Amino acid sequence: SLTICYNMGDTSSTMEASAATISPPRRLTIKKRAALGLLASILGFATFQNYYNSISLVDDSLSQRQLSSSWIERHPERGVSAWARNNFRPLSSAPDEKETVLFWHIPKSGGTTAKSIYRCLDQTIASRLPPSVSRTNDKELVEFKPYGQRGGTYVNVDMTTRSGMLRAEKMGLVASGKADMLFAMDPSFAGEHLYDKEHKGRILGLFRHPVDRLASKFYYLQKADWEQSYRPEWADMSILEWAEKHNKESNVMVKKLAGVKFHDTATEAALRVAMRTLEKRFVVGLTENMKESIRRFNIVMNIDLTSNRNQNCMRKFFGHGTLKTNSNPHAKLEPGSPAWDVLAQDNALDIQLYEYILVLFDQQGEVINSYARGISQ
């Protein structure tokens, strides 16, 4: 038999064909030689593609300091999720006034407070309103104030469901320019369907330690009878019982960023995609450092904080007696406790991602400040 080998680094591919299939070269007609040559080229290219696609963005043995390796520098977009790579501006690109911001609202991570802040700062918001005032049956997109002059401006779409986002896509929400900010819990679906290469956006997010966030969710939803996901039965169980038997969340941040379905298992490869997507496309904020996070978001969105109205808004949320919305005080879950360990084990990749977010938050400060200097010049 004839054996054709392709060796590339640690990857090799061997293809065998019997002598009955491939005749000695002297017996081949010109057409057959050409066909075999084409076949060999295709097989060689396919092997190279498999090798190229198998290269990990970041080898598991590398430290955070080695993330900027020469290979990664030569392939700056390698590993970024397609929806983010194609439809959102990179961090290296200064903000544009025409950008529509997508805010990834991760439950119990400060998203409701952020929405209240930007409503106060007179940003037109696309999120979700109660059915009684939502106007989602209107045939056209409209900007309106459902709660009067002091209640903020909204666009009549529902960003909390896929059907609502598909309606917004059909009506050309981002292209219309009517909304300043879109708040969505599914960034990949929103990014893929509402933005495009002609209408690229900027993506922001507030992040919280995954175990702290899940503990907050447990205590909140057992009391929040106004929420669709209200769970009064959780009040009769311990957080350990909930963590072991009732919590269904596992590495949801990694899954959302890498396009992994909720009930599927996230992998190390998905973690690398999530890390790369955050690094190249997200302006990251921290729930535990809300004031600095909002300051950076304001710079990215070119919000004028010199007006009395906007200064009063910032004092309202970050001055004496800081205002927090949707807050629910509860006992702190201590690291190393049985419930903490269960939740940490189920969300190990999300914890690794959060630790990387802390690194990005430190690194992005100077980049965001350079935006501010550019605006002021």
Foldseek 3Di string as FASTA:
>chain_A
DDKDWDDDVPDIDIDDDDCVVPPPPVPDDPVRVVVVVVVVVVVVVVSVVVVVVPDALDPPPDDPVCNPPPVCVVVVCPLAPPLQVFFAAWLLDFADLLAAEEEADDAQQQPVVVVVLVQLLQFEEEADDPPVQLVLVDPAWDWDQSPPDRRGIYINFHQEDLVRLLSCLVRQVSVVSPGNYYYHNQVSSNSNRNGGNVHHHAYEYEDEQQLQSVVQVLVLLCPPPVDPSRDVVSVPDDLQCCLVPPDQAFQVQLCSRQVNDRNDDDDPSSLSSSLSNCLTGYDYHYSVPVLVSVVLVCLSNVRDCPDPSSVVSSCQQPNPPHDGPSDDDDDGDDPPDSSNVSSCVRHVSNNVSVVSSVVSNVVCPVSSVVSVVVVVD
